[in-house]
Amino acid sequence: MSPPVTPVLSIVPTRALVDETFRVLVENLPPGFPVTIHSLHQSETEDQWEAYGYYLSDQRGTVCVADDLSFGGTYTGKEPMGLLWSMRPVPGSDEGLRLRKVDVCAPMLVNISVYSGHEGFRKQAPLASALTERWYMAPGVQRIDIKENGVHGTLFIPPGPGPFPGLLDIWGGGGGLFEYRAALLASHGYAALALLYLANGELRSVAGELLRYFEAAFNIVKHHPQVMPDRVGLFGLSLGSIMTINLTAQSSAIKPRCCVCISGTHSFPHGKTLSGIYKELGHKVLYFYKVHLDENNYQIWRGMGLAILSDPTYKVDVKKINCPMLLVSGHDDQNWPSVESAVDITQIMRAAGKEHLLTRLEYPDTGHLIEPPFSPHFRATKFIMNSRKEKAILLWGGQTKPHADAQEDSWMKILSFLRQHLYCTPTAKL
């Protein structure tokens, strides 16, 4: 059934950063009219992702996604950003897809449409459509390719004269160079270097030393003319958090001002020196026999992580950490025991009189891949195991709505933590 008049769809703002909210409003509908509001995005790999909610117009003939209840779809209830965080591959897509922005110089384009009714909306023509742009890189942010001292990465400089606080952004064991988080951090005022340190299953090093590679990358940020040299921090996710903790505890050459560790640990095989870390993630790791499969044949690495955590010979000496550290973890992390690691780190730091340096964020029903806000939830995705390009689907964990809430809450608290420790000047003691 089509309405007797043409609906009007508006999105405000139509262009925004990915961590900013928008308002989706449909007007000029009959009162009590059922509609489906649908979002659709085609990724750079040409996979299609969608989300949708079922609504009824109010007595004025309007639907406001920020204020009204969705009665079904990929999300329910009053969810202003459900059209983004509940996105999933369209029916018939390949299994184990993950949506990640590659070209941060272009926006993520999301087409939002309104359909009559609820069931079978895909077979209809939309009543109205509008396009919104979601950006990781704010206007004026500079993107600079880095290839110096053996280090490969991309540096993002915020707009304005500077100098700015700096961050070394370290992603996880999937490898490759991903720039979207560093671009977003630069959009919030931090000179951020997205670092390539793992490619084709091989870890990069300087003169054979992985530790020196990270030190060289840190110093590229520190010595940039638009960076405050005494205000450079570390930001890691998963294996990137392992590297962050190792670097902070072990390096005598650099002194990070603070560090953020998402879904990480202080314990891994050959962890006494970074240069001794395994070269082929997965198959050559001790305790790999602890990995098991769920009913979908997805690999669960959590048991391997627990076995490694229980072995004291693999623990990094976190008592040596002397800067503020934010630990972010989810209680449904099926890839690694990040909550248990955070508890153990706290106990060790408390015994050393350094618990005041720790801030912990823990979230129920939240998985391993805690990304910037409004990113889709990926419970299980494809993963390249090693240099032989062997693939598996890893179970990361989490439930969509709680995971989305955790991403939004943790990002705001991460930005607050970074402002406190990289921008604010400590009050001098009298």
Protein backbone atom coordinates (compact mmCIF):
# COMPACT_ATOMS: atom_id res chain seq x y z
CA MET A 1 0.00 0.00 0.00
CA SER A 2 1.37 3.40 -1.00
CA PRO A 3 0.49 6.59 0.88
CA PRO A 4 -1.73 9.10 -0.93
CA VAL A 5 1.05 11.70 -0.77
CA THR A 6 4.80 11.58 -1.33
CA PRO A 7 6.84 11.17 1.89
CA VAL A 8 9.75 13.52 2.59
CA LEU A 9 12.96 11.96 3.95
CA SER A 10 15.68 14.08 5.56
CA ILE A 11 19.01 13.23 7.19
CA VAL A 12 20.73 15.82 9.40
CA PRO A 13 23.62 16.21 8.99
CA THR A 14 24.04 14.59 5.61
CA ARG A 15 27.84 14.72 5.99
CA ALA A 16 29.52 13.86 9.32
CA LEU A 17 32.33 11.96 11.00
CA VAL A 18 31.62 8.29 11.58
CA ASP A 19 31.44 8.78 15.35
CA GLU A 20 28.86 11.58 15.10
CA THR A 21 25.12 10.96 15.33
CA PHE A 22 22.55 11.88 12.71
CA ARG A 23 18.77 12.34 12.72
CA VAL A 24 16.65 10.51 10.17
CA LEU A 25 13.17 11.99 9.75
CA VAL A 26 10.29 10.92 7.50
CA GLU A 27 7.42 13.40 7.09
CA ASN A 28 4.24 13.74 5.07
CA LEU A 29 2.96 10.23 5.83
CA PRO A 30 -0.62 9.36 6.79
CA PRO A 31 -1.06 8.90 10.55
CA GLY A 32 -0.42 5.35 11.74
CA PHE A 33 1.18 4.36 8.44
CA PRO A 34 3.62 1.37 8.57
CA VAL A 35 7.03 1.95 6.97
CA THR A 36 10.40 0.26 6.84
CA ILE A 37 13.45 2.51 7.02
CA HIS A 38 16.38 0.79 5.36
CA SER A 39 20.09 1.61 5.10
CA LEU A 40 22.35 0.15 2.41
CA HIS A 41 26.11 0.43 1.92
CA GLN A 42 28.30 -1.09 -0.78
CA SER A 43 31.79 -1.72 0.55
CA GLU A 44 35.02 -1.21 -1.33
CA THR A 45 35.06 -4.97 -1.94
CA GLU A 46 31.57 -4.58 -3.50
CA ASP A 47 29.81 -6.45 -0.70
CA GLN A 48 26.47 -5.00 0.32
CA TRP A 49 25.57 -4.28 3.94
CA GLU A 50 22.13 -3.36 5.23
CA ALA A 51 20.12 -2.53 8.33
CA TYR A 52 16.43 -1.73 8.75
CA GLY A 53 13.74 -0.96 11.28
CA TYR A 54 9.94 -1.22 11.24
CA TYR A 55 8.05 1.93 12.25
CA LEU A 56 4.55 3.39 12.46
CA SER A 57 4.06 7.08 11.75
CA ASP A 58 2.65 9.23 14.56
CA GLN A 59 -0.53 11.30 14.46
CA ARG A 60 1.31 14.02 12.54
CA GLY A 61 2.41 11.52 9.90
CA THR A 62 6.10 11.55 10.88
CA VAL A 63 8.70 9.00 11.89
CA CYS A 64 11.84 10.15 13.71
CA VAL A 65 14.38 7.34 14.08
CA ALA A 66 16.02 9.09 17.04
CA ASP A 67 12.76 9.32 18.99
CA ASP A 68 10.46 6.55 17.80
CA LEU A 69 10.43 2.81 18.47
CA SER A 70 11.40 0.23 15.89
CA PHE A 71 9.05 -2.74 16.17
CA GLY A 72 11.35 -5.15 14.35
CA GLY A 73 14.11 -5.48 11.79
CA THR A 74 17.84 -5.65 12.50
CA TYR A 75 17.25 -3.63 15.68
CA THR A 76 14.32 -2.84 17.95
CA GLY A 77 13.40 -0.03 20.32
CA LYS A 78 14.52 3.59 20.27
CA GLU A 79 17.89 3.42 18.51
CA PRO A 80 19.02 6.66 16.83
CA MET A 81 22.02 4.96 15.14
CA GLY A 82 20.61 1.46 14.66
CA LEU A 83 20.67 1.96 10.89
CA LEU A 84 24.47 1.86 11.13
CA TRP A 85 25.56 -0.35 14.03
CA SER A 86 23.12 -3.17 13.19
CA MET A 87 24.33 -3.42 9.59
CA ARG A 88 24.93 -6.94 8.31
CA PRO A 89 25.71 -8.46 4.91
CA VAL A 90 22.60 -8.75 2.73
CA PRO A 91 21.09 -12.25 2.41
CA GLY A 92 23.14 -14.49 0.12
CA SER A 93 26.49 -12.83 0.93
CA ASP A 94 29.67 -14.76 1.64
CA GLU A 95 30.22 -15.99 5.19
CA GLY A 96 32.58 -14.22 7.57
CA LEU A 97 32.69 -10.76 5.99
CA ARG A 98 34.11 -7.77 7.83
CA LEU A 99 33.44 -4.16 6.89
CA ARG A 100 36.56 -1.97 7.11
CA LYS A 101 37.22 1.33 5.33
CA VAL A 102 40.33 1.26 3.17
CA ASP A 103 40.33 4.62 1.39
CA VAL A 104 39.86 7.15 4.19
CA CYS A 105 40.09 10.03 1.69
CA ALA A 106 36.60 9.07 0.49
CA PRO A 107 33.46 8.82 2.62
CA MET A 108 31.47 5.77 3.53
CA LEU A 109 28.27 6.29 1.51
CA VAL A 110 25.04 5.04 3.06
CA ASN A 111 21.78 5.15 1.14
CA ILE A 112 18.72 5.41 3.39
CA SER A 113 15.31 4.58 1.96
CA VAL A 114 11.71 4.45 3.12
CA TYR A 115 9.41 1.59 2.08
CA SER A 116 5.71 1.04 2.55
CA GLY A 117 4.84 -1.68 5.07
CA HIS A 118 7.13 -4.12 6.80
CA GLU A 119 7.26 -7.57 5.28
CA GLY A 120 8.53 -7.96 1.74
CA PHE A 121 9.84 -4.41 1.48
CA ARG A 122 12.81 -5.50 -0.67
CA LYS A 123 10.44 -6.29 -3.54
CA GLN A 124 9.15 -2.72 -3.66
CA ALA A 125 10.40 0.55 -5.03
CA PRO A 126 11.28 2.98 -2.21
CA LEU A 127 8.90 5.82 -1.41
CA ALA A 128 11.87 8.13 -0.79
CA SER A 129 15.66 7.87 -0.57
CA ALA A 130 18.57 10.02 0.59
CA LEU A 131 22.34 9.62 0.69
CA THR A 132 24.53 10.32 3.71
CA GLU A 133 28.31 10.59 3.89
CA ARG A 134 30.22 9.16 6.85
CA TRP A 135 33.83 10.31 7.10
CA TYR A 136 36.83 9.09 9.06
CA MET A 137 38.94 12.04 7.95
CA ALA A 138 37.72 15.54 8.83
CA PRO A 139 38.30 18.48 6.46
CA GLY A 140 41.86 19.76 6.74
CA VAL A 141 43.42 16.55 8.07
CA GLN A 142 46.68 15.78 6.26
CA ARG A 143 47.50 12.24 5.14
CA ILE A 144 51.23 11.49 4.77
CA ASP A 145 52.74 8.21 3.55
CA ILE A 146 55.64 7.17 5.77
CA LYS A 147 58.57 5.09 4.54
CA GLU A 148 61.63 5.97 6.59
CA ASN A 149 64.09 4.14 8.83
CA GLY A 150 62.53 0.91 7.62
CA VAL A 151 59.12 1.94 9.00
CA HIS A 152 55.99 1.79 6.83
CA GLY A 153 52.76 3.50 7.76
CA THR A 154 50.52 6.51 7.29
CA LEU A 155 50.66 9.64 9.41
CA PHE A 156 47.60 11.84 9.86
CA ILE A 157 48.03 15.43 11.03
CA PRO A 158 45.05 17.42 12.37
CA PRO A 159 44.10 20.74 10.73
CA GLY A 160 45.63 23.86 12.20
CA PRO A 161 49.13 25.07 13.09
CA GLY A 162 49.82 22.61 15.94
CA PRO A 163 51.80 21.27 17.58
CA PHE A 164 49.56 18.36 18.53
CA PRO A 165 49.80 15.37 20.84
CA GLY A 166 50.81 12.22 18.98
CA LEU A 167 49.70 8.59 18.89
CA LEU A 168 51.17 5.42 17.43
CA ASP A 169 48.17 3.35 16.26
CA ILE A 170 48.80 -0.42 16.24
CA TRP A 171 46.24 -2.84 14.80
CA GLY A 172 45.92 -6.56 15.44
CA GLY A 173 47.04 -9.94 14.15
CA GLY A 174 45.12 -9.77 10.88
CA GLY A 175 48.01 -7.73 9.49
CA GLY A 176 48.03 -5.08 6.82
CA LEU A 177 47.80 -1.30 7.02
CA PHE A 178 44.47 0.08 8.17
CA GLU A 179 44.17 3.83 8.48
CA TYR A 180 40.60 4.52 9.55
CA ARG A 181 41.14 4.73 13.31
CA ALA A 182 44.24 6.92 12.95
CA ALA A 183 42.34 9.21 10.56
CA LEU A 184 39.51 9.50 13.07
CA LEU A 185 41.95 10.21 15.91
CA ALA A 186 43.51 12.96 13.80
CA SER A 187 40.01 14.34 13.28
CA HIS A 188 39.89 14.71 17.07
CA GLY A 189 43.20 16.54 17.34
CA TYR A 190 45.90 13.86 17.51
CA ALA A 191 48.76 13.33 15.09
CA ALA A 192 48.32 9.59 14.59
CA LEU A 193 50.56 7.13 12.77
CA ALA A 194 48.79 4.00 11.48
CA LEU A 195 51.60 1.45 11.53
CA LEU A 196 52.23 -1.49 9.21
CA TYR A 197 54.11 -4.07 11.26
CA LEU A 198 52.64 -7.37 10.08
CA ALA A 199 52.26 -8.23 6.40
CA ASN A 200 51.85 -11.60 4.69
CA GLY A 201 52.27 -13.34 8.05
CA GLU A 202 55.69 -11.77 8.61
CA LEU A 203 56.57 -9.26 11.32
CA ARG A 204 58.68 -6.28 10.32
CA SER A 205 61.83 -5.35 12.19
CA VAL A 206 64.81 -3.03 12.18
CA ALA A 207 68.13 -4.92 11.99
CA GLY A 208 66.23 -8.06 13.01
CA GLU A 209 64.74 -6.49 16.12
CA LEU A 210 60.97 -6.03 16.28
CA LEU A 211 61.29 -3.84 19.37
CA ARG A 212 63.45 -1.42 17.41
CA TYR A 213 60.81 -1.23 14.68
CA PHE A 214 58.22 0.06 17.12
CA GLU A 215 60.72 2.40 18.73
CA ALA A 216 61.58 3.83 15.30
CA ALA A 217 57.88 4.31 14.51
CA PHE A 218 57.28 6.01 17.86
CA ASN A 219 60.16 8.38 17.21
CA ILE A 220 58.82 9.29 13.76
CA VAL A 221 55.73 10.61 15.52
CA LYS A 222 57.67 12.17 18.38
CA HIS A 223 60.08 14.10 16.17
CA HIS A 224 57.55 15.38 13.65
CA PRO A 225 57.62 19.21 13.73
CA GLN A 226 53.85 19.39 14.37
CA VAL A 227 53.93 17.00 17.33
CA MET A 228 54.54 17.77 21.01
CA PRO A 229 57.54 15.49 21.66
CA ASP A 230 56.69 14.85 25.31
CA ARG A 231 53.03 14.00 24.57
CA VAL A 232 53.06 10.86 22.45
CA GLY A 233 51.00 7.81 23.39
CA LEU A 234 50.29 4.30 22.15
CA PHE A 235 46.95 2.86 20.98
CA GLY A 236 46.56 -0.87 20.36
CA LEU A 237 43.88 -3.45 19.60
CA SER A 238 44.31 -7.22 20.12
CA LEU A 239 47.88 -8.13 19.04
CA GLY A 240 48.44 -4.38 18.83
CA SER A 241 47.66 -4.16 22.55
CA ILE A 242 50.15 -6.95 23.25
CA MET A 243 52.74 -4.92 21.37
CA THR A 244 51.72 -1.77 23.25
CA ILE A 245 52.11 -3.41 26.66
CA ASN A 246 55.44 -4.97 25.68
CA LEU A 247 56.78 -1.71 24.31
CA THR A 248 55.66 0.28 27.35
CA ALA A 249 57.16 -2.22 29.80
CA GLN A 250 60.33 -3.21 27.97
CA SER A 251 61.65 -0.29 25.97
CA SER A 252 64.25 1.92 27.59
CA ALA A 253 64.48 4.07 24.47
CA ILE A 254 60.99 5.59 24.50
CA LYS A 255 58.63 6.88 27.16
CA PRO A 256 54.97 6.99 26.07
CA ARG A 257 52.83 9.55 27.88
CA CYS A 258 49.91 7.07 28.10
CA CYS A 259 48.55 4.01 26.33
CA VAL A 260 45.18 2.55 25.35
CA CYS A 261 44.87 -1.24 25.09
CA ILE A 262 41.72 -2.83 23.64
CA SER A 263 41.20 -6.60 24.01
CA GLY A 264 44.84 -7.27 24.77
CA THR A 265 47.01 -9.19 27.19
CA HIS A 266 50.39 -9.02 28.88
CA SER A 267 51.15 -12.67 28.18
CA PHE A 268 52.05 -14.57 25.02
CA PRO A 269 54.58 -17.22 23.87
CA HIS A 270 58.19 -16.03 23.75
CA GLY A 271 56.94 -12.80 25.33
CA LYS A 272 60.12 -11.97 27.21
CA THR A 273 61.38 -10.11 24.15
CA LEU A 274 59.37 -8.71 21.28
CA SER A 275 61.95 -10.02 18.83
CA GLY A 276 61.08 -13.56 19.94
CA ILE A 277 57.39 -13.39 19.03
CA TYR A 278 56.15 -16.12 16.71
CA LYS A 279 56.40 -15.33 13.02
CA GLU A 280 53.39 -17.29 11.84
CA LEU A 281 50.39 -16.42 13.95
CA GLY A 282 48.46 -19.47 15.04
CA HIS A 283 50.04 -22.69 13.85
CA LYS A 284 53.42 -22.29 15.53
CA VAL A 285 52.04 -21.07 18.83
CA LEU A 286 52.43 -23.26 21.88
CA TYR A 287 49.02 -24.32 23.27
CA PHE A 288 47.41 -24.12 19.82
CA TYR A 289 45.85 -27.49 20.66
CA LYS A 290 43.64 -25.52 23.08
CA VAL A 291 41.85 -23.91 20.13
CA HIS A 292 38.49 -25.53 19.53
CA LEU A 293 35.60 -25.21 17.09
CA ASP A 294 32.02 -24.18 17.78
CA GLU A 295 28.94 -25.64 16.10
CA ASN A 296 29.63 -23.51 13.01
CA ASN A 297 33.27 -24.63 12.77
CA TYR A 298 34.43 -21.19 13.85
CA GLN A 299 37.74 -21.20 15.72
CA ILE A 300 37.68 -20.12 19.37
CA TRP A 301 41.14 -19.07 20.58
CA ARG A 302 40.12 -18.18 24.12
CA GLY A 303 41.28 -21.51 25.56
CA MET A 304 44.73 -21.04 24.05
CA GLY A 305 44.93 -17.58 25.59
CA LEU A 306 43.92 -18.88 29.03
CA ALA A 307 46.63 -21.56 28.87
CA ILE A 308 49.23 -18.97 27.94
CA LEU A 309 48.02 -16.62 30.67
CA SER A 310 48.40 -19.36 33.28
CA ASP A 311 52.09 -19.82 32.41
CA PRO A 312 54.10 -17.21 34.36
CA THR A 313 57.14 -17.58 32.09
CA TYR A 314 55.27 -15.82 29.29
CA LYS A 315 54.19 -12.76 31.24
CA VAL A 316 55.57 -9.33 30.48
CA ASP A 317 56.82 -7.53 33.58
CA VAL A 318 54.07 -4.92 33.75
CA LYS A 319 55.50 -3.61 37.02
CA LYS A 320 57.88 -1.64 34.81
CA ILE A 321 55.03 0.37 33.28
CA ASN A 322 55.17 3.97 34.46
CA CYS A 323 52.49 5.73 32.41
CA PRO A 324 48.68 5.81 32.63
CA MET A 325 47.11 2.84 30.86
CA LEU A 326 43.48 2.31 29.80
CA LEU A 327 42.39 -1.33 29.42
CA VAL A 328 39.20 -1.99 27.44
CA SER A 329 37.74 -5.48 27.31
CA GLY A 330 34.51 -7.42 26.71
CA HIS A 331 33.17 -10.25 28.85
CA ASP A 332 32.15 -12.25 25.78
CA ASP A 333 35.57 -12.04 24.13
CA GLN A 334 35.88 -15.49 22.53
CA ASN A 335 39.23 -14.80 20.94
CA TRP A 336 41.38 -13.94 23.95
CA PRO A 337 40.94 -13.73 27.75
CA SER A 338 41.17 -9.95 27.83
CA VAL A 339 39.13 -9.53 31.02
CA GLU A 340 41.20 -12.12 32.89
CA SER A 341 44.35 -10.42 31.62
CA ALA A 342 43.11 -7.04 32.87
CA VAL A 343 42.41 -8.55 36.30
CA ASP A 344 45.89 -10.09 36.44
CA ILE A 345 47.55 -6.85 35.31
CA THR A 346 45.64 -5.02 38.04
CA GLN A 347 46.80 -7.45 40.71
CA ILE A 348 50.43 -7.16 39.61
CA MET A 349 50.30 -3.37 39.39
CA ARG A 350 48.56 -3.15 42.78
CA ALA A 351 51.31 -5.21 44.40
CA ALA A 352 53.86 -2.86 42.85
CA GLY A 353 52.02 0.23 44.12
CA LYS A 354 51.07 1.29 40.60
CA GLU A 355 47.36 0.53 40.42
CA HIS A 356 46.68 4.27 40.23
CA LEU A 357 48.07 4.17 36.67
CA LEU A 358 45.30 1.83 35.51
CA THR A 359 41.83 2.61 34.22
CA ARG A 360 39.66 -0.38 33.26
CA LEU A 361 36.54 -0.53 31.10
CA GLU A 362 34.68 -3.83 30.94
CA TYR A 363 31.45 -4.52 29.08
CA PRO A 364 28.95 -7.41 29.29
CA ASP A 365 28.03 -9.37 26.15
CA THR A 366 30.83 -7.59 24.27
CA GLY A 367 33.31 -9.35 22.02
CA HIS A 368 36.90 -8.89 20.93
CA LEU A 369 36.62 -6.39 18.07
CA ILE A 370 35.74 -3.18 19.90
CA GLU A 371 35.84 -0.57 17.12
CA PRO A 372 34.88 3.12 16.85
CA PRO A 373 31.18 3.80 17.51
CA PHE A 374 28.39 2.83 15.11
CA SER A 375 30.65 0.28 13.38
CA PRO A 376 28.79 -2.96 12.65
CA HIS A 377 29.30 -5.82 15.09
CA PHE A 378 31.38 -8.70 13.73
CA ARG A 379 30.80 -11.83 15.80
CA ALA A 380 32.85 -14.05 13.48
CA THR A 381 34.94 -13.17 10.42
CA LYS A 382 37.47 -14.63 8.04
CA PHE A 383 41.08 -14.57 9.22
CA ILE A 384 44.32 -15.28 7.34
CA MET A 385 46.27 -17.62 9.60
CA ASN A 386 49.83 -17.35 8.30
CA SER A 387 52.14 -16.59 5.37
CA ARG A 388 50.72 -19.59 3.49
CA LYS A 389 47.41 -17.68 3.30
CA GLU A 390 45.50 -20.42 5.13
CA LYS A 391 42.10 -19.08 6.12
CA ALA A 392 39.73 -19.76 8.98
CA ILE A 393 36.70 -18.05 10.48
CA LEU A 394 37.46 -16.80 13.98
CA LEU A 395 34.78 -16.31 16.61
CA TRP A 396 35.25 -12.88 18.18
CA GLY A 397 32.14 -12.96 20.38
CA GLY A 398 29.66 -10.34 21.50
CA GLN A 399 25.96 -9.69 21.03
CA THR A 400 25.03 -6.95 18.58
CA LYS A 401 23.19 -4.44 20.76
CA PRO A 402 25.43 -4.66 23.87
CA HIS A 403 28.52 -4.66 21.66
CA ALA A 404 27.31 -1.53 19.86
CA ASP A 405 26.65 0.18 23.20
CA ALA A 406 30.14 -0.76 24.38
CA GLN A 407 31.73 0.69 21.24
CA GLU A 408 29.94 4.00 21.71
CA ASP A 409 30.64 4.25 25.44
CA SER A 410 34.26 3.14 25.26
CA TRP A 411 35.11 5.53 22.41
CA MET A 412 33.85 8.53 24.35
CA LYS A 413 35.84 7.41 27.39
CA ILE A 414 38.94 6.73 25.29
CA LEU A 415 38.78 10.26 23.88
CA SER A 416 38.34 11.61 27.42
CA PHE A 417 41.34 9.57 28.63
CA LEU A 418 43.49 10.87 25.77
CA ARG A 419 42.45 14.48 26.40
CA GLN A 420 43.30 14.11 30.08
CA HIS A 421 46.76 12.64 29.53
CA LEU A 422 47.86 14.12 26.20
CA TYR A 423 46.29 17.58 26.24
CA CYS A 424 45.88 18.58 29.88
CA THR A 425 48.88 19.83 31.82
CA PRO A 426 49.10 18.19 35.28
CA THR A 427 48.59 20.63 38.15
CA ALA A 428 51.84 21.35 39.88
CA LYS A 429 52.06 20.16 43.49
CA LEU A 430 52.61 22.90 46.05
